[in-house]
C-alpha atoms as a PDB file:
ATOM      1  CA  VAL A   1    -162.391 -47.320   1.817  1.00  0.00           C
ATOM      2  CA  ILE A   2    -161.508 -44.122  -0.001  1.00  0.00           C
ATOM      3  CA  ASP A   3    -162.212 -43.795  -3.808  1.00  0.00           C
ATOM      4  CA  GLN A   4    -159.469 -41.447  -5.353  1.00  0.00           C
ATOM      5  CA  GLY A   5    -161.876 -40.884  -8.028  1.00  0.00           C
ATOM      6  CA  ALA A   6    -165.054 -39.987  -6.156  1.00  0.00           C
ATOM      7  CA  LEU A   7    -163.609 -37.623  -3.917  1.00  0.00           C
ATOM      8  CA  GLY A   8    -161.686 -35.687  -6.754  1.00  0.00           C
ATOM      9  CA  ALA A   9    -164.917 -35.022  -8.316  1.00  0.00           C
ATOM     10  CA  TRP A  10    -166.261 -33.524  -4.937  1.00  0.00           C
ATOM     11  CA  LEU A  11    -162.997 -31.502  -4.452  1.00  0.00           C
ATOM     12  CA  ALA A  12    -163.930 -30.173  -8.485  1.00  0.00           C
ATOM     13  CA  ALA A  13    -167.437 -29.695  -7.251  1.00  0.00           C
ATOM     14  CA  GLN A  14    -166.451 -27.589  -4.433  1.00  0.00           C
ATOM     15  CA  ARG A  15    -164.245 -25.208  -6.263  1.00  0.00           C
ATOM     16  CA  GLU A  16    -167.109 -24.450  -8.492  1.00  0.00           C
ATOM     17  CA  LEU A  17    -169.270 -23.272  -5.247  1.00  0.00           C
ATOM     18  CA  GLY A  18    -166.683 -19.974  -5.215  1.00  0.00           C
ATOM     19  CA  PRO A  19    -163.439 -19.464  -3.847  1.00  0.00           C
ATOM     20  CA  PRO A  20    -162.123 -21.566  -0.792  1.00  0.00           C
ATOM     21  CA  ALA A  21    -162.429 -20.187   2.949  1.00  0.00           C
ATOM     22  CA  PRO A  22    -159.348 -18.921   4.487  1.00  0.00           C
ATOM     23  CA  LEU A  23    -157.023 -21.853   5.187  1.00  0.00           C
ATOM     24  CA  ARG A  24    -156.728 -22.640   8.740  1.00  0.00           C
ATOM     25  CA  TRP A  25    -155.210 -25.373  10.918  1.00  0.00           C
ATOM     26  CA  PRO A  26    -157.557 -27.549  13.397  1.00  0.00           C
ATOM     27  CA  ARG A  27    -157.471 -28.116  16.458  1.00  0.00           C
ATOM     28  CA  ILE A  28    -156.833 -31.608  17.946  1.00  0.00           C
ATOM     29  CA  ASP A  29    -156.581 -31.836  22.402  1.00  0.00           C
ATOM     30  CA  ALA A  30    -156.550 -35.363  22.477  1.00  0.00           C
ATOM     31  CA  ALA A  31    -154.557 -38.535  20.754  1.00  0.00           C
ATOM     32  CA  LEU A  32    -156.036 -39.511  17.496  1.00  0.00           C
ATOM     33  CA  GLU A  33    -155.867 -42.914  15.947  1.00  0.00           C
ATOM     34  CA  LEU A  34    -156.896 -44.173  12.754  1.00  0.00           C
ATOM     35  CA  GLY A  35    -156.496 -47.906  11.117  1.00  0.00           C
ATOM     36  CA  ASP A  36    -157.297 -50.163   8.076  1.00  0.00           C
ATOM     37  CA  VAL A  37    -157.961 -47.147   5.746  1.00  0.00           C
ATOM     38  CA  THR A  38    -157.541 -48.059   1.766  1.00  0.00           C
ATOM     39  CA  LEU A  39    -156.979 -45.375  -1.000  1.00  0.00           C
ATOM     40  CA  ILE A  40    -158.307 -46.705  -4.290  1.00  0.00           C
ATOM     41  CA  GLU A  41    -158.480 -45.014  -7.979  1.00  0.00           C
ATOM     42  CA  ALA A  42    -161.948 -46.716  -8.452  1.00  0.00           C
ATOM     43  CA  ALA A  43    -164.338 -48.623  -7.169  1.00  0.00           C
ATOM     44  CA  ASP A  44    -162.861 -51.575  -9.125  1.00  0.00           C
ATOM     45  CA  ALA A  45    -159.821 -51.311  -8.742  1.00  0.00           C
ATOM     46  CA  ALA A  46    -156.953 -52.634  -6.622  1.00  0.00           C
ATOM     47  CA  PRO A  47    -155.493 -50.416  -3.505  1.00  0.00           C
ATOM     48  CA  ARG A  48    -153.610 -47.394  -4.402  1.00  0.00           C
ATOM     49  CA  LEU A  49    -152.085 -46.940  -0.540  1.00  0.00           C
ATOM     50  CA  THR A  50    -153.229 -48.637   2.614  1.00  0.00           C
ATOM     51  CA  LEU A  51    -152.469 -47.123   5.956  1.00  0.00           C
ATOM     52  CA  GLN A  52    -152.775 -50.104   8.402  1.00  0.00           C
ATOM     53  CA  SER A  53    -152.191 -47.673  11.706  1.00  0.00           C
ATOM     54  CA  LEU A  54    -151.849 -44.445  12.095  1.00  0.00           C
ATOM     55  CA  ARG A  55    -151.410 -42.523  15.782  1.00  0.00           C
ATOM     56  CA  LEU A  56    -151.224 -38.489  16.244  1.00  0.00           C
ATOM     57  CA  ASP A  57    -150.912 -37.058  19.835  1.00  0.00           C
ATOM     58  CA  ARG A  58    -152.365 -33.433  19.146  1.00  0.00           C
ATOM     59  CA  TRP A  59    -152.057 -31.025  16.851  1.00  0.00           C
ATOM     60  CA  GLN A  60    -152.057 -27.206  18.308  1.00  0.00           C
ATOM     61  CA  ILE A  61    -150.659 -24.459  16.896  1.00  0.00           C
ATOM     62  CA  ASP A  62    -146.988 -23.658  17.969  1.00  0.00           C
ATOM     63  CA  GLN A  63    -146.571 -27.123  19.326  1.00  0.00           C
ATOM     64  CA  VAL A  64    -144.771 -29.891  18.439  1.00  0.00           C
ATOM     65  CA  ALA A  65    -146.897 -32.918  17.203  1.00  0.00           C
ATOM     66  CA  GLN A  66    -145.835 -36.601  16.724  1.00  0.00           C
ATOM     67  CA  ILE A  67    -147.270 -39.033  13.982  1.00  0.00           C
ATOM     68  CA  GLU A  68    -146.779 -42.458  13.171  1.00  0.00           C
ATOM     69  CA  ALA A  69    -148.259 -44.680  10.774  1.00  0.00           C
ATOM     70  CA  GLU A  70    -147.122 -48.113   9.095  1.00  0.00           C
ATOM     71  CA  LEU A  71    -148.395 -47.638   5.553  1.00  0.00           C
ATOM     72  CA  ARG A  72    -148.364 -50.407   2.334  1.00  0.00           C
ATOM     73  CA  ILE A  73    -148.212 -48.955  -0.762  1.00  0.00           C
ATOM     74  CA  PRO A  74    -148.185 -52.191  -3.445  1.00  0.00           C
ATOM     75  CA  ALA A  75    -146.532 -50.064  -5.981  1.00  0.00           C
ATOM     76  CA  LEU A  76    -143.384 -49.152  -4.607  1.00  0.00           C
ATOM     77  CA  SER A  77    -143.137 -52.137  -1.862  1.00  0.00           C
ATOM     78  CA  SER A  78    -144.386 -55.440  -0.846  1.00  0.00           C
ATOM     79  CA  ARG A  79    -143.438 -54.778   2.711  1.00  0.00           C
ATOM     80  CA  PRO A  80    -145.141 -52.350   4.600  1.00  0.00           C
ATOM     81  CA  LEU A  81    -143.273 -49.102   5.458  1.00  0.00           C
ATOM     82  CA  GLN A  82    -143.048 -47.175   9.388  1.00  0.00           C
ATOM     83  CA  LEU A  83    -143.189 -43.371   9.456  1.00  0.00           C
ATOM     84  CA  GLN A  84    -142.398 -41.362  12.454  1.00  0.00           C
ATOM     85  CA  PHE A  85    -142.916 -37.659  12.034  1.00  0.00           C
ATOM     86  CA  GLU A  86    -142.429 -34.093  14.300  1.00  0.00           C
ATOM     87  CA  LEU A  87    -144.295 -31.187  12.851  1.00  0.00           C
ATOM     88  CA  SER A  88    -144.560 -27.773  14.498  1.00  0.00           C
ATOM     89  CA  PRO A  89    -147.990 -26.158  13.031  1.00  0.00           C
ATOM     90  CA  ARG A  90    -147.516 -22.726  12.695  1.00  0.00           C
ATOM     91  CA  GLN A  91    -150.638 -20.420  11.779  1.00  0.00           C
ATOM     92  CA  THR A  92    -150.712 -16.649  10.557  1.00  0.00           C
ATOM     93  CA  GLU A  93    -153.407 -14.578   8.784  1.00  0.00           C
ATOM     94  CA  SER A  94    -152.178 -15.337   5.139  1.00  0.00           C
ATOM     95  CA  GLU A  95    -149.925 -18.342   5.901  1.00  0.00           C
ATOM     96  CA  LEU A  96    -150.051 -22.074   7.298  1.00  0.00           C
ATOM     97  CA  ALA A  97    -146.448 -23.401   7.794  1.00  0.00           C
ATOM     98  CA  LEU A  98    -145.194 -26.915   9.095  1.00  0.00           C
ATOM     99  CA  GLU A  99    -141.954 -25.220  10.567  1.00  0.00           C
ATOM    100  CA  PRO A 100    -139.983 -27.224  11.779  1.00  0.00           C
ATOM    101  CA  LEU A 101    -140.655 -30.870  10.359  1.00  0.00           C
ATOM    102  CA  SER A 102    -138.810 -34.027  10.721  1.00  0.00           C
ATOM    103  CA  GLY A 103    -139.294 -37.603  10.201  1.00  0.00           C
ATOM    104  CA  ARG A 104    -138.536 -40.811   9.096  1.00  0.00           C
ATOM    105  CA  ILE A 105    -139.272 -43.727   6.810  1.00  0.00           C
ATOM    106  CA  VAL A 106    -138.199 -47.068   7.105  1.00  0.00           C
ATOM    107  CA  GLY A 107    -138.990 -50.840   5.727  1.00  0.00           C
ATOM    108  CA  ALA A 108    -138.333 -53.756   7.753  1.00  0.00           C
ATOM    109  CA  GLY A 109    -134.745 -54.742   7.945  1.00  0.00           C
ATOM    110  CA  GLU A 110    -133.923 -51.332   4.994  1.00  0.00           C
ATOM    111  CA  PRO A 111    -131.997 -48.204   5.648  1.00  0.00           C
ATOM    112  CA  ALA A 112    -134.251 -45.410   7.554  1.00  0.00           C
ATOM    113  CA  LEU A 113    -134.602 -42.389   4.967  1.00  0.00           C
ATOM    114  CA  GLU A 114    -134.506 -39.234   6.973  1.00  0.00           C
ATOM    115  CA  LEU A 115    -136.273 -35.603   6.410  1.00  0.00           C
ATOM    116  CA  ARG A 116    -135.862 -32.092   7.452  1.00  0.00           C
ATOM    117  CA  GLY A 117    -137.058 -28.781   6.351  1.00  0.00           C
ATOM    118  CA  PHE A 118    -140.294 -27.158   6.510  1.00  0.00           C
ATOM    119  CA  LEU A 119    -143.420 -26.241   4.078  1.00  0.00           C
ATOM    120  CA  ARG A 120    -145.286 -23.072   4.297  1.00  0.00           C
ATOM    121  CA  MET A 121    -148.778 -22.031   1.782  1.00  0.00           C
ATOM    122  CA  GLN A 122    -150.508 -19.151   1.437  1.00  0.00           C
ATOM    123  CA  ASP A 123    -153.151 -21.872  -0.448  1.00  0.00           C
ATOM    124  CA  VAL A 124    -152.447 -24.380  -3.231  1.00  0.00           C
ATOM    125  CA  ALA A 125    -151.113 -22.244  -5.720  1.00  0.00           C
ATOM    126  CA  HIS A 126    -148.641 -20.824  -3.527  1.00  0.00           C
ATOM    127  CA  LEU A 127    -146.344 -23.379  -1.385  1.00  0.00           C
ATOM    128  CA  ASP A 128    -142.483 -23.164  -0.589  1.00  0.00           C
ATOM    129  CA  LEU A 129    -141.143 -26.523   0.515  1.00  0.00           C
ATOM    130  CA  GLN A 130    -137.719 -27.290   1.734  1.00  0.00           C
ATOM    131  CA  ILE A 131    -136.561 -30.670   2.634  1.00  0.00           C
ATOM    132  CA  ARG A 132    -133.028 -32.225   3.403  1.00  0.00           C
ATOM    133  CA  LEU A 133    -133.048 -36.222   2.212  1.00  0.00           C
ATOM    134  CA  SER A 134    -130.541 -38.135   4.194  1.00  0.00           C
ATOM    135  CA  THR A 135    -129.862 -41.912   4.013  1.00  0.00           C
ATOM    136  CA  ALA A 136    -126.913 -44.429   4.350  1.00  0.00           C
ATOM    137  CA  ALA A 137    -127.908 -46.217   1.276  1.00  0.00           C
ATOM    138  CA  LEU A 138    -130.939 -45.684  -1.467  1.00  0.00           C
ATOM    139  CA  PRO A 139    -133.897 -47.898   0.526  1.00  0.00           C
ATOM    140  CA  PRO A 140    -134.866 -50.686  -2.331  1.00  0.00           C
ATOM    141  CA  TRP A 141    -138.757 -49.637  -1.857  1.00  0.00           C
ATOM    142  CA  LEU A 142    -137.593 -45.728  -3.969  1.00  0.00           C
ATOM    143  CA  PRO A 143    -138.289 -46.216  -7.428  1.00  0.00           C
ATOM    144  CA  THR A 144    -135.617 -45.677  -9.698  1.00  0.00           C
ATOM    145  CA  GLY A 145    -136.766 -47.103 -12.939  1.00  0.00           C
ATOM    146  CA  PRO A 146    -133.777 -49.030 -14.729  1.00  0.00           C
ATOM    147  CA  ALA A 147    -131.180 -47.348 -13.023  1.00  0.00           C
ATOM    148  CA  ARG A 148    -128.754 -48.770 -10.640  1.00  0.00           C
ATOM    149  CA  PHE A 149    -126.956 -46.504  -7.942  1.00  0.00           C
ATOM    150  CA  GLU A 150    -124.722 -48.115  -5.549  1.00  0.00           C
ATOM    151  CA  PRO A 151    -125.086 -48.595  -1.422  1.00  0.00           C
ATOM    152  CA  LEU A 152    -123.559 -45.488  -0.916  1.00  0.00           C
ATOM    153  CA  ALA A 153    -124.918 -42.574   1.504  1.00  0.00           C
ATOM    154  CA  SER A 154    -127.143 -39.792  -0.069  1.00  0.00           C
ATOM    155  CA  ASP A 155    -127.456 -36.376   1.263  1.00  0.00           C
ATOM    156  CA  LEU A 156    -130.249 -34.313  -0.942  1.00  0.00           C
ATOM    157  CA  THR A 157    -131.713 -30.760  -0.311  1.00  0.00           C
ATOM    158  CA  LEU A 158    -134.826 -30.534  -2.058  1.00  0.00           C
ATOM    159  CA  ARG A 159    -136.671 -26.881  -2.364  1.00  0.00           C
ATOM    160  CA  TYR A 160    -140.625 -26.777  -4.270  1.00  0.00           C
ATOM    161  CA  THR A 161    -141.436 -23.287  -4.639  1.00  0.00           C
ATOM    162  CA  GLY A 162    -145.036 -22.919  -6.736  1.00  0.00           C
ATOM    163  CA  ALA A 163    -148.499 -24.362  -7.057  1.00  0.00           C
ATOM    164  CA  VAL A 164    -149.571 -27.952  -6.019  1.00  0.00           C
ATOM    165  CA  ASP A 165    -149.784 -29.152 -10.034  1.00  0.00           C
ATOM    166  CA  GLY A 166    -147.349 -26.593 -11.645  1.00  0.00           C
ATOM    167  CA  PRO A 167    -146.279 -24.571 -12.945  1.00  0.00           C
ATOM    168  CA  SER A 168    -143.389 -24.593 -10.230  1.00  0.00           C
ATOM    169  CA  LYS A 169    -139.896 -24.251  -9.627  1.00  0.00           C
ATOM    170  CA  PHE A 170    -138.075 -27.507  -8.023  1.00  0.00           C
ATOM    171  CA  LYS A 171    -134.485 -27.796  -7.162  1.00  0.00           C
ATOM    172  CA  LEU A 172    -132.751 -30.628  -5.911  1.00  0.00           C
ATOM    173  CA  ALA A 173    -129.224 -30.796  -4.991  1.00  0.00           C
ATOM    174  CA  GLY A 174    -126.070 -32.747  -3.354  1.00  0.00           C
ATOM    175  CA  SER A 175    -124.837 -36.224  -2.994  1.00  0.00           C
ATOM    176  CA  LEU A 176    -126.961 -38.929  -4.887  1.00  0.00           C
ATOM    177  CA  ALA A 177    -125.559 -42.462  -4.059  1.00  0.00           C
ATOM    178  CA  GLY A 178    -121.946 -40.926  -3.832  1.00  0.00           C
ATOM    179  CA  SER A 179    -122.719 -39.226  -7.273  1.00  0.00           C
ATOM    180  CA  GLN A 180    -122.877 -35.219  -7.506  1.00  0.00           C
ATOM    181  CA  LEU A 181    -126.818 -34.029  -8.820  1.00  0.00           C
ATOM    182  CA  ASP A 182    -128.083 -30.775  -9.587  1.00  0.00           C
ATOM    183  CA  ALA A 183    -131.620 -30.186 -11.082  1.00  0.00           C
ATOM    184  CA  ASP A 184    -133.102 -26.925 -11.450  1.00  0.00           C
ATOM    185  CA  LEU A 185    -136.091 -27.321 -13.511  1.00  0.00           C
ATOM    186  CA  LEU A 186    -139.216 -25.181 -14.180  1.00  0.00           C
ATOM    187  CA  LEU A 187    -142.471 -27.555 -14.065  1.00  0.00           C
ATOM    188  CA  PRO A 188    -145.279 -26.744 -16.419  1.00  0.00           C
ATOM    189  CA  TYR A 189    -149.056 -27.005 -15.109  1.00  0.00           C
ATOM    190  CA  ARG A 190    -150.605 -30.133 -14.409  1.00  0.00           C
ATOM    191  CA  TYR A 191    -147.205 -31.904 -14.860  1.00  0.00           C
ATOM    192  CA  THR A 192    -148.051 -34.696 -12.677  1.00  0.00           C
ATOM    193  CA  GLU A 193    -150.269 -35.842 -15.145  1.00  0.00           C
ATOM    194  CA  TYR A 194    -147.614 -36.944 -17.429  1.00  0.00           C
ATOM    195  CA  LEU A 195    -145.975 -38.530 -14.962  1.00  0.00           C
ATOM    196  CA  ALA A 196    -149.093 -40.296 -13.849  1.00  0.00           C
ATOM    197  CA  SER A 197    -149.282 -41.412 -17.504  1.00  0.00           C
ATOM    198  CA  GLY A 198    -145.416 -42.064 -18.001  1.00  0.00           C
ATOM    199  CA  ASP A 199    -145.014 -39.923 -21.130  1.00  0.00           C
ATOM    200  CA  PHE A 200    -141.575 -38.566 -19.571  1.00  0.00           C
ATOM    201  CA  ALA A 201    -140.764 -37.488 -23.386  1.00  0.00           C
ATOM    202  CA  ALA A 202    -143.953 -34.995 -23.611  1.00  0.00           C
ATOM    203  CA  LEU A 203    -142.924 -34.164 -20.227  1.00  0.00           C
ATOM    204  CA  ALA A 204    -139.071 -32.921 -21.216  1.00  0.00           C
ATOM    205  CA  GLU A 205    -140.232 -30.786 -23.739  1.00  0.00           C
ATOM    206  CA  GLN A 206    -142.605 -28.578 -21.348  1.00  0.00           C
ATOM    207  CA  VAL A 207    -139.455 -28.594 -18.642  1.00  0.00           C
ATOM    208  CA  GLY A 208    -137.487 -25.685 -18.361  1.00  0.00           C
ATOM    209  CA  GLY A 209    -133.776 -25.578 -16.697  1.00  0.00           C
ATOM    210  CA  SER A 210    -130.808 -28.366 -16.092  1.00  0.00           C
ATOM    211  CA  ILE A 211    -129.506 -31.592 -14.779  1.00  0.00           C
ATOM    212  CA  ARG A 212    -126.076 -32.425 -14.238  1.00  0.00           C
ATOM    213  CA  LEU A 213    -125.414 -36.010 -12.735  1.00  0.00           C
ATOM    214  CA  GLU A 214    -121.900 -37.122 -12.058  1.00  0.00           C
ATOM    215  CA  ARG A 215    -122.383 -40.879 -12.791  1.00  0.00           C
ATOM    216  CA  ILE A 216    -125.339 -43.713 -12.880  1.00  0.00           C
ATOM    217  CA  ARG A 217    -125.460 -47.143 -13.854  1.00  0.00           C
ATOM    218  CA  PHE A 218    -127.854 -49.013 -16.338  1.00  0.00           C
ATOM    219  CA  GLY A 219    -126.925 -52.645 -15.887  1.00  0.00           C
ATOM    220  CA  ASP A 220    -123.437 -52.936 -16.283  1.00  0.00           C
ATOM    221  CA  ALA A 221    -122.857 -49.666 -18.318  1.00  0.00           C
ATOM    222  CA  VAL A 222    -122.030 -46.705 -16.208  1.00  0.00           C
ATOM    223  CA  LEU A 223    -122.701 -43.252 -17.554  1.00  0.00           C
ATOM    224  CA  GLN A 224    -120.704 -40.497 -16.572  1.00  0.00           C
ATOM    225  CA  GLY A 225    -120.757 -36.715 -16.564  1.00  0.00           C
ATOM    226  CA  ILE A 226    -124.319 -36.471 -17.844  1.00  0.00           C
ATOM    227  CA  GLU A 227    -125.761 -32.876 -18.470  1.00  0.00           C
ATOM    228  CA  TRP A 228    -129.531 -32.399 -19.547  1.00  0.00           C
ATOM    229  CA  HIS A 229    -130.365 -28.499 -20.638  1.00  0.00           C
ATOM    230  CA  ASN A 230    -133.812 -27.320 -22.555  1.00  0.00           C
ATOM    231  CA  GLU A 231    -134.396 -23.884 -22.562  1.00  0.00           C
ATOM    232  CA  LEU A 232    -138.012 -23.017 -22.867  1.00  0.00           C
ATOM    233  CA  ALA A 233    -139.114 -21.352 -26.358  1.00  0.00           C
ATOM    234  CA  ASN A 234    -141.691 -19.491 -24.498  1.00  0.00           C
ATOM    235  CA  PRO A 235    -141.261 -19.378 -20.875  1.00  0.00           C
ATOM    236  CA  SER A 236    -143.989 -17.158 -20.395  1.00  0.00           C
ATOM    237  CA  GLU A 237    -146.585 -20.432 -20.865  1.00  0.00           C
ATOM    238  CA  SER A 238    -145.033 -22.496 -18.120  1.00  0.00           C
ATOM    239  CA  ARG A 239    -143.952 -19.212 -15.750  1.00  0.00           C
ATOM    240  CA  ALA A 240    -144.140 -20.215 -11.944  1.00  0.00           C
ATOM    241  CA  THR A 241    -146.649 -18.314  -9.632  1.00  0.00           C
ATOM    242  CA  ASP A 242    -145.155 -15.771  -7.166  1.00  0.00           C
ATOM    243  CA  GLY A 243    -141.783 -16.557  -5.589  1.00  0.00           C
ATOM    244  CA  ALA A 244    -140.703 -18.842  -8.137  1.00  0.00           C
ATOM    245  CA  PRO A 245    -138.729 -17.044 -10.338  1.00  0.00           C
ATOM    246  CA  ALA A 246    -138.218 -18.844 -13.747  1.00  0.00           C
ATOM    247  CA  VAL A 247    -135.162 -21.137 -14.258  1.00  0.00           C
ATOM    248  CA  ALA A 248    -131.727 -19.693 -15.651  1.00  0.00           C
ATOM    249  CA  THR A 249    -130.371 -22.165 -18.147  1.00  0.00           C
ATOM    250  CA  ASP A 250    -127.259 -22.473 -20.249  1.00  0.00           C
ATOM    251  CA  PRO A 251    -128.167 -22.768 -24.299  1.00  0.00           C
ATOM    252  CA  GLY A 252    -128.014 -26.029 -25.592  1.00  0.00           C
END
């Protein structure tokens, strides 16, 4: 059992001891297997995630590693999700990378979500992630809130550049269930706290950029030609780290 609160406190204490050591990938020459790992938010809280099984064949620089896992995320689905990934760890003096990376996530009898792309990082404040997501139909375990999507194919490219918890640049473009989507956003520092609390109105005030969506359904109502723009009054307050330039947005 992993206590998320206790782990977060330990990590914060480690940061107070001084700058972290340079990032380095570990080396694992033999197969590694884990099972029955549970993540909880506090000692008396219900599980947020249960890793029922995980198998890693090896982890070596410039060699393809294969990971297979089965996990349950109660907030998403009562059914277990199967994960299969192929990752190629890379390492230089100043950067770690998983390039290329590919994988699939699938629930029992549900459409698979395919992923392909790369991850590069100098530390937690300098990330460069690009993932292409494709599926024959959006799987039911994906959180979509009150929105409803047609059972059509999706093919999206996601790009995230900046810090783990902001400020950062986020782009998402392509087809979402047959509807064209283009999002170009500048996320503020600690944007994940807004997401965790569900305070989306406050988050929207801090996010700069634009979103364009061709069509979306809410119940029996279909909305078309949706556009959202927000040009920050003081972009310097949410400026992304090096490598993530500010978003150019349309007025209005």
